[in-house]
Amino acid sequence: MASIEEVPERVGDESWEEFRGRVDAAVAGYLRGVPARVRYRNWCMMLDTNVVPAGAAAAVVTRMRAPYYARGAFRFKLQRRDLLDALARRFGIHTSETGQTDFDREFVVRSNDEERVRLLFEDPAIRRLIKSQPAINLEARGDDGPFGASLPEGVCEIVLRAPGFLTDAAQLRKLFALIALILDRLCAIDSASADEPGVSL
């Protein structure tokens, strides 16, 4: 079971135990090869696996997506700092700071809105859940990528990717909680609407 310090006491109106119970039912299907869909408020979070090009081969990634109605054009990408990030900084490629020194040492964020980055990552539960993941690529984007389905106007999606086929139930629960808390926080900072986005994944 996940450390109590890594999981939120509540996810929206639900206790952690209530939220975990709903997620566990979906995760059981995902581990048998069925995409996991979990409703949270008016949003649908979907967990599946995807194959992406990796040089001359291909790699499996665990992917989570959640469409939402955007208010404004706030977008961001987050990942752990690595050698490529160090090279990008040497060439002057701009990154955003969250204002959380320890977090900024471990993660790089690229965004079109510095102030909203700070507001989003002010939430300590969001930062703890991100830090609990050994590898993570997280973004808010306006479409499903060059080879995916396009989203309706005004709809964006949170997309999270982690390498490999994740099977650890505690880790998967934390991913669902992270996406739920990000959606709530985007609403709190007036970057998302809590309305049903009307997109089927």
N, C-alpha and C. Protein backbone atom coordinates (compact mmCIF):
# COMPACT_ATOMS: atom_id res chain seq x y z
N MET A 1 0.85 -1.19 0.00
CA MET A 1 0.00 0.00 0.00
C MET A 1 0.88 1.24 0.00
N ALA A 2 0.39 2.31 -0.65
CA ALA A 2 1.15 3.55 -0.74
C ALA A 2 1.29 4.18 0.62
N SER A 3 2.41 4.86 0.80
CA SER A 3 2.63 5.61 2.04
C SER A 3 1.54 6.65 2.19
N ILE A 4 1.07 6.82 3.44
CA ILE A 4 -0.02 7.77 3.69
C ILE A 4 0.40 9.19 3.33
N GLU A 5 1.74 9.48 3.38
CA GLU A 5 2.21 10.81 3.03
C GLU A 5 2.07 11.08 1.53
N GLU A 6 2.00 10.03 0.72
CA GLU A 6 1.96 10.21 -0.73
C GLU A 6 0.55 10.32 -1.29
N VAL A 7 -0.46 9.92 -0.53
CA VAL A 7 -1.82 9.97 -1.05
C VAL A 7 -2.62 11.06 -0.34
N PRO A 8 -3.54 11.70 -1.05
CA PRO A 8 -4.33 12.76 -0.41
C PRO A 8 -5.32 12.18 0.58
N GLU A 9 -5.67 12.96 1.57
CA GLU A 9 -6.68 12.52 2.52
C GLU A 9 -8.03 12.42 1.85
N ARG A 10 -8.28 13.38 0.94
CA ARG A 10 -9.54 13.38 0.19
C ARG A 10 -9.24 13.68 -1.27
N VAL A 11 -10.10 13.19 -2.16
CA VAL A 11 -10.04 13.54 -3.58
C VAL A 11 -11.41 14.14 -3.89
N GLY A 12 -11.47 15.45 -3.98
CA GLY A 12 -12.76 16.12 -4.14
C GLY A 12 -13.63 15.87 -2.91
N ASP A 13 -14.85 15.39 -3.15
CA ASP A 13 -15.79 15.13 -2.05
C ASP A 13 -15.62 13.74 -1.46
N GLU A 14 -14.70 12.95 -2.00
CA GLU A 14 -14.54 11.56 -1.57
C GLU A 14 -13.33 11.41 -0.64
N SER A 15 -13.45 10.52 0.32
CA SER A 15 -12.28 10.15 1.11
C SER A 15 -11.35 9.33 0.21
N TRP A 16 -10.09 9.19 0.63
CA TRP A 16 -9.16 8.37 -0.15
C TRP A 16 -9.70 6.95 -0.30
N GLU A 17 -10.28 6.38 0.74
CA GLU A 17 -10.79 5.01 0.67
C GLU A 17 -11.94 4.89 -0.33
N GLU A 18 -12.83 5.88 -0.38
CA GLU A 18 -13.93 5.85 -1.35
C GLU A 18 -13.38 5.94 -2.77
N PHE A 19 -12.46 6.88 -2.98
CA PHE A 19 -11.87 7.06 -4.31
C PHE A 19 -11.12 5.81 -4.72
N ARG A 20 -10.34 5.28 -3.81
CA ARG A 20 -9.55 4.07 -4.09
C ARG A 20 -10.45 2.90 -4.47
N GLY A 21 -11.58 2.74 -3.80
CA GLY A 21 -12.50 1.64 -4.12
C GLY A 21 -13.00 1.71 -5.55
N ARG A 22 -13.33 2.92 -6.02
CA ARG A 22 -13.81 3.07 -7.40
C ARG A 22 -12.69 2.82 -8.40
N VAL A 23 -11.49 3.30 -8.07
CA VAL A 23 -10.35 3.12 -8.98
C VAL A 23 -9.95 1.65 -9.06
N ASP A 24 -9.94 0.95 -7.93
CA ASP A 24 -9.49 -0.44 -7.91
C ASP A 24 -10.30 -1.33 -8.84
N ALA A 25 -11.61 -1.08 -8.93
CA ALA A 25 -12.44 -1.88 -9.83
C ALA A 25 -12.01 -1.70 -11.28
N ALA A 26 -11.68 -0.46 -11.66
CA ALA A 26 -11.23 -0.20 -13.03
C ALA A 26 -9.83 -0.75 -13.28
N VAL A 27 -8.95 -0.63 -12.28
CA VAL A 27 -7.58 -1.12 -12.43
C VAL A 27 -7.56 -2.63 -12.62
N ALA A 28 -8.46 -3.35 -11.96
CA ALA A 28 -8.53 -4.81 -12.12
C ALA A 28 -8.77 -5.17 -13.58
N GLY A 29 -9.64 -4.42 -14.26
CA GLY A 29 -9.88 -4.67 -15.68
C GLY A 29 -8.68 -4.30 -16.53
N TYR A 30 -8.04 -3.18 -16.20
CA TYR A 30 -6.86 -2.74 -16.95
C TYR A 30 -5.77 -3.79 -16.91
N LEU A 31 -5.58 -4.43 -15.76
CA LEU A 31 -4.53 -5.45 -15.63
C LEU A 31 -4.85 -6.69 -16.44
N ARG A 32 -6.12 -6.83 -16.87
CA ARG A 32 -6.51 -7.93 -17.78
C ARG A 32 -6.54 -7.47 -19.23
N GLY A 33 -6.08 -6.22 -19.49
CA GLY A 33 -5.98 -5.74 -20.86
C GLY A 33 -7.12 -4.86 -21.33
N VAL A 34 -8.02 -4.45 -20.43
CA VAL A 34 -9.16 -3.60 -20.78
C VAL A 34 -8.85 -2.17 -20.33
N PRO A 35 -8.98 -1.17 -21.21
CA PRO A 35 -8.74 0.20 -20.76
C PRO A 35 -9.61 0.53 -19.54
N ALA A 36 -9.02 1.21 -18.58
CA ALA A 36 -9.73 1.54 -17.33
C ALA A 36 -10.31 2.94 -17.46
N ARG A 37 -11.61 3.05 -17.23
CA ARG A 37 -12.29 4.36 -17.24
C ARG A 37 -12.85 4.62 -15.86
N VAL A 38 -12.52 5.78 -15.31
CA VAL A 38 -13.02 6.17 -14.00
C VAL A 38 -13.66 7.54 -14.12
N ARG A 39 -14.92 7.64 -13.69
CA ARG A 39 -15.59 8.93 -13.66
C ARG A 39 -15.17 9.67 -12.39
N TYR A 40 -14.87 10.94 -12.56
CA TYR A 40 -14.59 11.80 -11.42
C TYR A 40 -15.30 13.12 -11.69
N ARG A 41 -16.28 13.44 -10.87
CA ARG A 41 -17.15 14.60 -11.11
C ARG A 41 -17.73 14.46 -12.52
N ASN A 42 -17.53 15.46 -13.39
CA ASN A 42 -18.06 15.38 -14.75
C ASN A 42 -17.01 14.93 -15.77
N TRP A 43 -15.87 14.49 -15.29
CA TRP A 43 -14.78 14.10 -16.19
C TRP A 43 -14.64 12.58 -16.25
N CYS A 44 -14.07 12.11 -17.35
CA CYS A 44 -13.73 10.69 -17.49
C CYS A 44 -12.21 10.58 -17.63
N MET A 45 -11.60 9.82 -16.73
CA MET A 45 -10.16 9.57 -16.80
C MET A 45 -9.98 8.16 -17.37
N MET A 46 -9.15 8.03 -18.40
CA MET A 46 -8.94 6.72 -19.01
C MET A 46 -7.47 6.32 -18.93
N LEU A 47 -7.25 5.09 -18.51
CA LEU A 47 -5.91 4.51 -18.40
C LEU A 47 -5.80 3.37 -19.40
N ASP A 48 -4.75 3.40 -20.23
CA ASP A 48 -4.51 2.31 -21.16
C ASP A 48 -3.01 2.24 -21.46
N THR A 49 -2.63 1.41 -22.41
CA THR A 49 -1.25 1.37 -22.87
C THR A 49 -1.22 1.78 -24.32
N ASN A 50 -0.08 2.29 -24.74
CA ASN A 50 0.07 2.79 -26.10
C ASN A 50 1.46 2.42 -26.58
N VAL A 51 1.59 2.18 -27.87
CA VAL A 51 2.90 1.88 -28.46
C VAL A 51 3.36 3.13 -29.20
N VAL A 52 4.57 3.58 -28.89
CA VAL A 52 5.10 4.79 -29.52
C VAL A 52 6.42 4.46 -30.20
N PRO A 53 6.76 5.18 -31.29
CA PRO A 53 8.04 4.95 -31.96
C PRO A 53 9.20 5.25 -31.01
N ALA A 54 10.23 4.40 -31.08
CA ALA A 54 11.44 4.62 -30.27
C ALA A 54 12.63 4.24 -31.14
N GLY A 55 13.05 5.19 -31.98
CA GLY A 55 14.13 4.90 -32.92
C GLY A 55 13.64 3.92 -33.98
N ALA A 56 14.41 2.83 -34.17
CA ALA A 56 14.04 1.83 -35.17
C ALA A 56 13.02 0.84 -34.61
N ALA A 57 12.72 0.93 -33.33
CA ALA A 57 11.79 -0.02 -32.70
C ALA A 57 10.55 0.73 -32.21
N ALA A 58 9.90 0.16 -31.24
CA ALA A 58 8.73 0.78 -30.63
C ALA A 58 8.77 0.49 -29.14
N ALA A 59 8.14 1.35 -28.37
CA ALA A 59 8.13 1.18 -26.92
C ALA A 59 6.70 1.25 -26.40
N VAL A 60 6.41 0.48 -25.38
CA VAL A 60 5.10 0.51 -24.73
C VAL A 60 5.14 1.55 -23.63
N VAL A 61 4.11 2.38 -23.58
CA VAL A 61 3.98 3.34 -22.49
C VAL A 61 2.60 3.18 -21.86
N THR A 62 2.54 3.42 -20.57
CA THR A 62 1.26 3.52 -19.87
C THR A 62 0.79 4.95 -20.03
N ARG A 63 -0.49 5.09 -20.39
CA ARG A 63 -1.01 6.43 -20.73
C ARG A 63 -2.32 6.68 -19.99
N MET A 64 -2.46 7.89 -19.48
CA MET A 64 -3.72 8.30 -18.88
C MET A 64 -4.14 9.61 -19.53
N ARG A 65 -5.44 9.71 -19.85
CA ARG A 65 -5.97 10.92 -20.48
C ARG A 65 -7.26 11.34 -19.80
N ALA A 66 -7.49 12.65 -19.78
CA ALA A 66 -8.73 13.19 -19.23
C ALA A 66 -9.07 14.49 -19.95
N PRO A 67 -10.09 14.47 -20.82
CA PRO A 67 -10.50 15.71 -21.50
C PRO A 67 -11.24 16.65 -20.55
N TYR A 68 -11.14 17.94 -20.83
CA TYR A 68 -11.84 18.94 -20.02
C TYR A 68 -12.06 20.19 -20.87
N TYR A 69 -13.07 20.96 -20.51
CA TYR A 69 -13.28 22.27 -21.15
C TYR A 69 -12.26 23.25 -20.60
N ALA A 70 -11.51 23.87 -21.49
CA ALA A 70 -10.49 24.83 -21.07
C ALA A 70 -11.09 26.22 -20.97
N ARG A 71 -10.59 26.96 -19.99
CA ARG A 71 -10.88 28.39 -19.91
C ARG A 71 -9.56 29.10 -20.18
N GLY A 72 -9.41 29.61 -21.37
CA GLY A 72 -8.14 30.24 -21.73
C GLY A 72 -7.23 29.25 -22.42
N ALA A 73 -5.99 29.67 -22.61
CA ALA A 73 -5.05 28.89 -23.43
C ALA A 73 -3.90 28.32 -22.61
N PHE A 74 -4.09 28.12 -21.29
CA PHE A 74 -3.00 27.60 -20.46
C PHE A 74 -2.63 26.18 -20.87
N ARG A 75 -1.34 25.98 -21.19
CA ARG A 75 -0.81 24.66 -21.53
C ARG A 75 0.51 24.48 -20.76
N PHE A 76 0.85 23.24 -20.47
CA PHE A 76 2.14 22.98 -19.84
C PHE A 76 2.60 21.58 -20.16
N LYS A 77 3.90 21.35 -20.02
CA LYS A 77 4.52 20.03 -20.11
C LYS A 77 5.48 19.90 -18.94
N LEU A 78 5.44 18.76 -18.28
CA LEU A 78 6.31 18.50 -17.13
C LEU A 78 7.00 17.16 -17.30
N GLN A 79 8.27 17.12 -16.92
CA GLN A 79 8.99 15.85 -16.87
C GLN A 79 10.15 15.98 -15.88
N ARG A 80 10.72 14.85 -15.49
CA ARG A 80 11.90 14.89 -14.62
C ARG A 80 13.07 15.50 -15.38
N ARG A 81 13.89 16.22 -14.66
CA ARG A 81 15.08 16.80 -15.29
C ARG A 81 16.02 15.68 -15.75
N ASP A 82 16.66 15.89 -16.91
CA ASP A 82 17.59 14.90 -17.44
C ASP A 82 18.67 15.61 -18.25
N LEU A 83 19.51 14.83 -18.92
CA LEU A 83 20.60 15.40 -19.70
C LEU A 83 20.10 16.32 -20.81
N LEU A 84 19.00 15.93 -21.48
CA LEU A 84 18.47 16.77 -22.55
C LEU A 84 18.01 18.12 -22.02
N ASP A 85 17.44 18.12 -20.83
CA ASP A 85 17.02 19.38 -20.23
C ASP A 85 18.23 20.26 -19.96
N ALA A 86 19.30 19.67 -19.45
CA ALA A 86 20.52 20.45 -19.19
C ALA A 86 21.06 21.07 -20.49
N LEU A 87 21.02 20.32 -21.60
CA LEU A 87 21.47 20.85 -22.89
C LEU A 87 20.55 21.98 -23.35
N ALA A 88 19.24 21.79 -23.17
CA ALA A 88 18.28 22.81 -23.58
C ALA A 88 18.54 24.12 -22.83
N ARG A 89 18.83 24.01 -21.53
CA ARG A 89 19.10 25.21 -20.75
C ARG A 89 20.37 25.92 -21.24
N ARG A 90 21.36 25.13 -21.65
CA ARG A 90 22.61 25.73 -22.16
C ARG A 90 22.36 26.51 -23.45
N PHE A 91 21.34 26.04 -24.22
CA PHE A 91 21.02 26.74 -25.48
C PHE A 91 19.95 27.80 -25.28
N GLY A 92 19.60 28.07 -24.02
CA GLY A 92 18.69 29.17 -23.73
C GLY A 92 17.22 28.86 -23.90
N ILE A 93 16.85 27.58 -23.97
CA ILE A 93 15.42 27.24 -24.09
C ILE A 93 14.75 27.50 -22.75
N HIS A 94 13.71 28.30 -22.78
CA HIS A 94 13.06 28.79 -21.56
C HIS A 94 12.22 27.70 -20.88
N THR A 95 12.30 27.66 -19.56
CA THR A 95 11.42 26.79 -18.77
C THR A 95 10.74 27.65 -17.71
N SER A 96 9.65 27.13 -17.18
CA SER A 96 8.90 27.84 -16.14
C SER A 96 9.30 27.32 -14.78
N GLU A 97 9.27 28.18 -13.79
CA GLU A 97 9.56 27.79 -12.41
C GLU A 97 8.24 27.70 -11.65
N THR A 98 8.11 26.70 -10.80
CA THR A 98 6.90 26.56 -10.00
C THR A 98 6.96 27.39 -8.74
N GLY A 99 8.16 27.84 -8.37
CA GLY A 99 8.32 28.56 -7.11
C GLY A 99 8.56 27.64 -5.93
N GLN A 100 8.60 26.33 -6.19
CA GLN A 100 8.85 25.31 -5.15
C GLN A 100 10.25 24.76 -5.40
N THR A 101 11.23 25.25 -4.65
CA THR A 101 12.64 25.01 -4.94
C THR A 101 12.98 23.53 -5.09
N ASP A 102 12.61 22.70 -4.13
CA ASP A 102 12.92 21.26 -4.20
C ASP A 102 12.29 20.63 -5.43
N PHE A 103 11.06 20.99 -5.71
CA PHE A 103 10.35 20.45 -6.86
C PHE A 103 11.03 20.89 -8.16
N ASP A 104 11.40 22.16 -8.24
CA ASP A 104 12.04 22.67 -9.45
C ASP A 104 13.41 22.04 -9.70
N ARG A 105 14.07 21.56 -8.65
CA ARG A 105 15.34 20.86 -8.85
C ARG A 105 15.14 19.51 -9.54
N GLU A 106 13.99 18.88 -9.32
CA GLU A 106 13.73 17.54 -9.86
C GLU A 106 12.98 17.54 -11.19
N PHE A 107 12.17 18.59 -11.42
CA PHE A 107 11.28 18.59 -12.58
C PHE A 107 11.45 19.86 -13.40
N VAL A 108 11.24 19.71 -14.69
CA VAL A 108 11.25 20.86 -15.59
C VAL A 108 9.83 21.02 -16.14
N VAL A 109 9.37 22.27 -16.18
CA VAL A 109 8.05 22.60 -16.71
C VAL A 109 8.21 23.61 -17.83
N ARG A 110 7.57 23.34 -18.94
CA ARG A 110 7.50 24.31 -20.03
C ARG A 110 6.04 24.72 -20.15
N SER A 111 5.81 26.01 -20.25
CA SER A 111 4.43 26.50 -20.24
C SER A 111 4.32 27.84 -20.96
N ASN A 112 3.09 28.19 -21.28
CA ASN A 112 2.82 29.49 -21.89
C ASN A 112 2.30 30.50 -20.86
N ASP A 113 2.31 30.13 -19.56
CA ASP A 113 1.77 31.03 -18.53
C ASP A 113 2.47 30.76 -17.19
N GLU A 114 3.46 31.58 -16.88
CA GLU A 114 4.27 31.40 -15.67
C GLU A 114 3.42 31.45 -14.39
N GLU A 115 2.50 32.40 -14.33
CA GLU A 115 1.71 32.58 -13.10
C GLU A 115 0.83 31.37 -12.85
N ARG A 116 0.21 30.82 -13.88
CA ARG A 116 -0.66 29.66 -13.68
C ARG A 116 0.14 28.41 -13.33
N VAL A 117 1.36 28.31 -13.83
CA VAL A 117 2.23 27.20 -13.41
C VAL A 117 2.44 27.26 -11.91
N ARG A 118 2.74 28.43 -11.40
CA ARG A 118 2.95 28.58 -9.96
C ARG A 118 1.69 28.24 -9.17
N LEU A 119 0.53 28.70 -9.66
CA LEU A 119 -0.72 28.43 -8.97
C LEU A 119 -1.06 26.94 -8.99
N LEU A 120 -0.84 26.29 -10.14
CA LEU A 120 -1.15 24.86 -10.26
C LEU A 120 -0.31 24.03 -9.30
N PHE A 121 0.99 24.30 -9.27
CA PHE A 121 1.89 23.46 -8.48
C PHE A 121 2.08 23.95 -7.05
N GLU A 122 1.29 24.93 -6.65
CA GLU A 122 1.23 25.34 -5.25
C GLU A 122 0.68 24.22 -4.37
N ASP A 123 -0.15 23.37 -4.97
CA ASP A 123 -0.83 22.31 -4.21
C ASP A 123 0.18 21.24 -3.80
N PRO A 124 0.42 21.06 -2.49
CA PRO A 124 1.41 20.07 -2.05
C PRO A 124 1.04 18.63 -2.38
N ALA A 125 -0.25 18.32 -2.42
CA ALA A 125 -0.67 16.95 -2.76
C ALA A 125 -0.31 16.63 -4.21
N ILE A 126 -0.49 17.59 -5.11
CA ILE A 126 -0.11 17.38 -6.51
C ILE A 126 1.39 17.14 -6.61
N ARG A 127 2.17 17.95 -5.92
CA ARG A 127 3.63 17.78 -5.98
C ARG A 127 4.06 16.43 -5.40
N ARG A 128 3.46 16.02 -4.28
CA ARG A 128 3.82 14.72 -3.68
C ARG A 128 3.51 13.57 -4.63
N LEU A 129 2.35 13.61 -5.28
CA LEU A 129 1.97 12.52 -6.18
C LEU A 129 2.89 12.47 -7.40
N ILE A 130 3.28 13.63 -7.92
CA ILE A 130 4.22 13.65 -9.04
C ILE A 130 5.57 13.08 -8.60
N LYS A 131 6.06 13.50 -7.44
CA LYS A 131 7.36 13.04 -6.97
C LYS A 131 7.37 11.55 -6.65
N SER A 132 6.18 10.98 -6.38
CA SER A 132 6.12 9.55 -6.06
C SER A 132 6.26 8.66 -7.30
N GLN A 133 6.22 9.27 -8.49
CA GLN A 133 6.35 8.50 -9.72
C GLN A 133 7.81 8.45 -10.17
N PRO A 134 8.35 7.26 -10.40
CA PRO A 134 9.77 7.18 -10.81
C PRO A 134 10.03 7.82 -12.16
N ALA A 135 9.07 7.76 -13.07
CA ALA A 135 9.21 8.39 -14.39
C ALA A 135 7.85 8.93 -14.80
N ILE A 136 7.83 10.16 -15.29
CA ILE A 136 6.54 10.77 -15.62
C ILE A 136 6.72 11.82 -16.70
N ASN A 137 5.76 11.88 -17.60
CA ASN A 137 5.66 12.92 -18.61
C ASN A 137 4.21 13.36 -18.54
N LEU A 138 3.98 14.61 -18.18
CA LEU A 138 2.64 15.11 -17.91
C LEU A 138 2.42 16.39 -18.69
N GLU A 139 1.26 16.50 -19.35
CA GLU A 139 1.00 17.74 -20.09
C GLU A 139 -0.48 18.05 -20.17
N ALA A 140 -0.77 19.33 -20.35
CA ALA A 140 -2.10 19.80 -20.72
C ALA A 140 -1.97 20.27 -22.16
N ARG A 141 -2.74 19.67 -23.06
CA ARG A 141 -2.59 20.00 -24.48
C ARG A 141 -3.97 20.17 -25.13
N GLY A 142 -3.94 20.73 -26.32
CA GLY A 142 -5.18 21.06 -27.00
C GLY A 142 -5.63 20.08 -28.05
N ASP A 143 -4.88 19.01 -28.28
CA ASP A 143 -5.33 17.99 -29.22
C ASP A 143 -4.69 16.66 -28.87
N ASP A 144 -5.04 15.62 -29.62
CA ASP A 144 -4.57 14.27 -29.31
C ASP A 144 -3.30 13.92 -30.08
N GLY A 145 -2.56 14.94 -30.51
CA GLY A 145 -1.30 14.68 -31.19
C GLY A 145 -1.49 14.52 -32.69
N PRO A 146 -0.39 14.52 -33.45
CA PRO A 146 -0.47 14.50 -34.91
C PRO A 146 -1.10 13.23 -35.48
N PHE A 147 -1.05 12.11 -34.74
CA PHE A 147 -1.59 10.85 -35.27
C PHE A 147 -2.85 10.40 -34.55
N GLY A 148 -3.36 11.24 -33.66
CA GLY A 148 -4.56 10.87 -32.90
C GLY A 148 -5.76 11.67 -33.34
N ALA A 149 -6.87 11.43 -32.66
CA ALA A 149 -8.10 12.15 -32.96
C ALA A 149 -7.99 13.58 -32.46
N SER A 150 -8.57 14.52 -33.22
CA SER A 150 -8.57 15.90 -32.76
C SER A 150 -9.70 16.09 -31.76
N LEU A 151 -9.54 17.06 -30.89
CA LEU A 151 -10.54 17.35 -29.87
C LEU A 151 -11.42 18.50 -30.34
N PRO A 152 -12.67 18.54 -29.87
CA PRO A 152 -13.55 19.65 -30.26
C PRO A 152 -12.98 20.99 -29.78
N GLU A 153 -13.40 22.05 -30.42
CA GLU A 153 -12.93 23.37 -30.04
C GLU A 153 -13.26 23.65 -28.58
N GLY A 154 -12.29 24.17 -27.87
CA GLY A 154 -12.48 24.50 -26.46
C GLY A 154 -12.18 23.36 -25.50
N VAL A 155 -11.95 22.15 -26.05
CA VAL A 155 -11.65 20.99 -25.19
C VAL A 155 -10.15 20.71 -25.23
N CYS A 156 -9.57 20.57 -24.06
CA CYS A 156 -8.17 20.17 -23.93
C CYS A 156 -8.14 18.84 -23.19
N GLU A 157 -6.95 18.31 -22.97
CA GLU A 157 -6.84 17.09 -22.18
C GLU A 157 -5.55 17.08 -21.39
N ILE A 158 -5.65 16.50 -20.20
CA ILE A 158 -4.47 16.17 -19.43
C ILE A 158 -4.00 14.81 -19.94
N VAL A 159 -2.73 14.71 -20.27
CA VAL A 159 -2.16 13.44 -20.73
C VAL A 159 -0.94 13.13 -19.87
N LEU A 160 -0.91 11.93 -19.35
CA LEU A 160 0.21 11.47 -18.53
C LEU A 160 0.76 10.21 -19.17
N ARG A 161 2.08 10.12 -19.28
CA ARG A 161 2.72 8.93 -19.83
C ARG A 161 3.82 8.47 -18.88
N ALA A 162 3.95 7.15 -18.76
CA ALA A 162 5.04 6.55 -18.01
C ALA A 162 5.55 5.36 -18.81
N PRO A 163 6.85 5.12 -18.83
CA PRO A 163 7.38 4.04 -19.65
C PRO A 163 6.94 2.66 -19.16
N GLY A 164 6.71 1.77 -20.13
CA GLY A 164 6.37 0.39 -19.81
C GLY A 164 4.90 0.18 -19.49
N PHE A 165 4.56 -1.05 -19.19
CA PHE A 165 3.20 -1.43 -18.81
C PHE A 165 3.16 -1.47 -17.29
N LEU A 166 2.61 -0.41 -16.68
CA LEU A 166 2.58 -0.34 -15.22
C LEU A 166 1.56 -1.32 -14.67
N THR A 167 1.97 -2.08 -13.68
CA THR A 167 1.06 -3.08 -13.08
C THR A 167 0.92 -2.92 -11.57
N ASP A 168 1.66 -2.00 -10.98
CA ASP A 168 1.57 -1.81 -9.54
C ASP A 168 0.30 -1.03 -9.19
N ALA A 169 -0.63 -1.68 -8.49
CA ALA A 169 -1.93 -1.06 -8.21
C ALA A 169 -1.80 0.23 -7.42
N ALA A 170 -0.89 0.28 -6.45
CA ALA A 170 -0.71 1.49 -5.65
C ALA A 170 -0.24 2.66 -6.52
N GLN A 171 0.66 2.37 -7.44
CA GLN A 171 1.15 3.41 -8.35
C GLN A 171 0.03 3.90 -9.26
N LEU A 172 -0.79 2.98 -9.77
CA LEU A 172 -1.88 3.35 -10.65
C LEU A 172 -2.94 4.18 -9.92
N ARG A 173 -3.22 3.83 -8.66
CA ARG A 173 -4.17 4.62 -7.87
C ARG A 173 -3.68 6.06 -7.76
N LYS A 174 -2.38 6.22 -7.52
CA LYS A 174 -1.83 7.56 -7.37
C LYS A 174 -1.91 8.35 -8.67
N LEU A 175 -1.79 7.67 -9.82
CA LEU A 175 -1.94 8.37 -11.09
C LEU A 175 -3.36 8.91 -11.25
N PHE A 176 -4.35 8.08 -10.92
CA PHE A 176 -5.74 8.54 -11.00
C PHE A 176 -5.96 9.72 -10.06
N ALA A 177 -5.44 9.64 -8.85
CA ALA A 177 -5.61 10.73 -7.88
C ALA A 177 -4.93 12.00 -8.40
N LEU A 178 -3.76 11.86 -8.99
CA LEU A 178 -3.03 13.01 -9.52
C LEU A 178 -3.86 13.73 -10.58
N ILE A 179 -4.40 12.98 -11.54
CA ILE A 179 -5.18 13.61 -12.60
C ILE A 179 -6.42 14.29 -12.02
N ALA A 180 -7.09 13.62 -11.08
CA ALA A 180 -8.28 14.21 -10.46
C ALA A 180 -7.94 15.52 -9.76
N LEU A 181 -6.85 15.54 -9.00
CA LEU A 181 -6.47 16.75 -8.28
C LEU A 181 -6.04 17.87 -9.24
N ILE A 182 -5.40 17.51 -10.34
CA ILE A 182 -5.02 18.52 -11.34
C ILE A 182 -6.27 19.13 -11.96
N LEU A 183 -7.26 18.31 -12.29
CA LEU A 183 -8.50 18.84 -12.86
C LEU A 183 -9.18 19.79 -11.89
N ASP A 184 -9.25 19.39 -10.62
CA ASP A 184 -9.83 20.28 -9.61
C ASP A 184 -9.05 21.59 -9.51
N ARG A 185 -7.73 21.47 -9.52
CA ARG A 185 -6.89 22.67 -9.38
C ARG A 185 -7.01 23.58 -10.59
N LEU A 186 -7.11 23.01 -11.79
CA LEU A 186 -7.30 23.83 -12.99
C LEU A 186 -8.60 24.63 -12.90
N CYS A 187 -9.63 24.02 -12.33
CA CYS A 187 -10.88 24.76 -12.12
C CYS A 187 -10.68 25.87 -11.09
N ALA A 188 -9.95 25.56 -10.02
CA ALA A 188 -9.74 26.54 -8.96
C ALA A 188 -8.96 27.76 -9.45
N ILE A 189 -8.08 27.59 -10.42
CA ILE A 189 -7.30 28.72 -10.94
C ILE A 189 -7.91 29.28 -12.22
N ASP A 190 -9.16 28.89 -12.49
CA ASP A 190 -9.93 29.40 -13.62
C ASP A 190 -9.31 29.08 -14.98
N SER A 191 -8.70 27.88 -15.08
CA SER A 191 -8.14 27.42 -16.35
C SER A 191 -8.95 26.27 -16.94
N ALA A 192 -9.97 25.81 -16.23
CA ALA A 192 -10.83 24.73 -16.72
C ALA A 192 -12.23 24.93 -16.18
N SER A 193 -13.18 24.34 -16.88
CA SER A 193 -14.57 24.32 -16.44
C SER A 193 -14.90 22.93 -15.90
N ALA A 194 -15.74 22.88 -14.90
CA ALA A 194 -16.15 21.58 -14.34
C ALA A 194 -17.25 20.93 -15.16
N ASP A 195 -17.67 21.54 -16.28
CA ASP A 195 -18.73 20.98 -17.11
C ASP A 195 -18.26 19.72 -17.82
N GLU A 196 -19.18 18.85 -18.14
CA GLU A 196 -18.90 17.63 -18.92
C GLU A 196 -18.38 18.03 -20.30
N PRO A 197 -17.18 17.57 -20.69
CA PRO A 197 -16.63 17.98 -21.99
C PRO A 197 -17.27 17.29 -23.19
N GLY A 198 -18.02 16.21 -22.96
CA GLY A 198 -18.71 15.54 -24.06
C GLY A 198 -17.80 14.84 -25.04
N VAL A 199 -16.68 14.32 -24.55
CA VAL A 199 -15.71 13.60 -25.40
C VAL A 199 -15.62 12.16 -24.91
N SER A 200 -15.78 11.21 -25.82
CA SER A 200 -15.64 9.80 -25.47
C SER A 200 -14.23 9.33 -25.80
N LEU A 201 -13.58 8.72 -24.83
CA LEU A 201 -12.22 8.18 -25.06
C LEU A 201 -12.31 6.70 -25.36
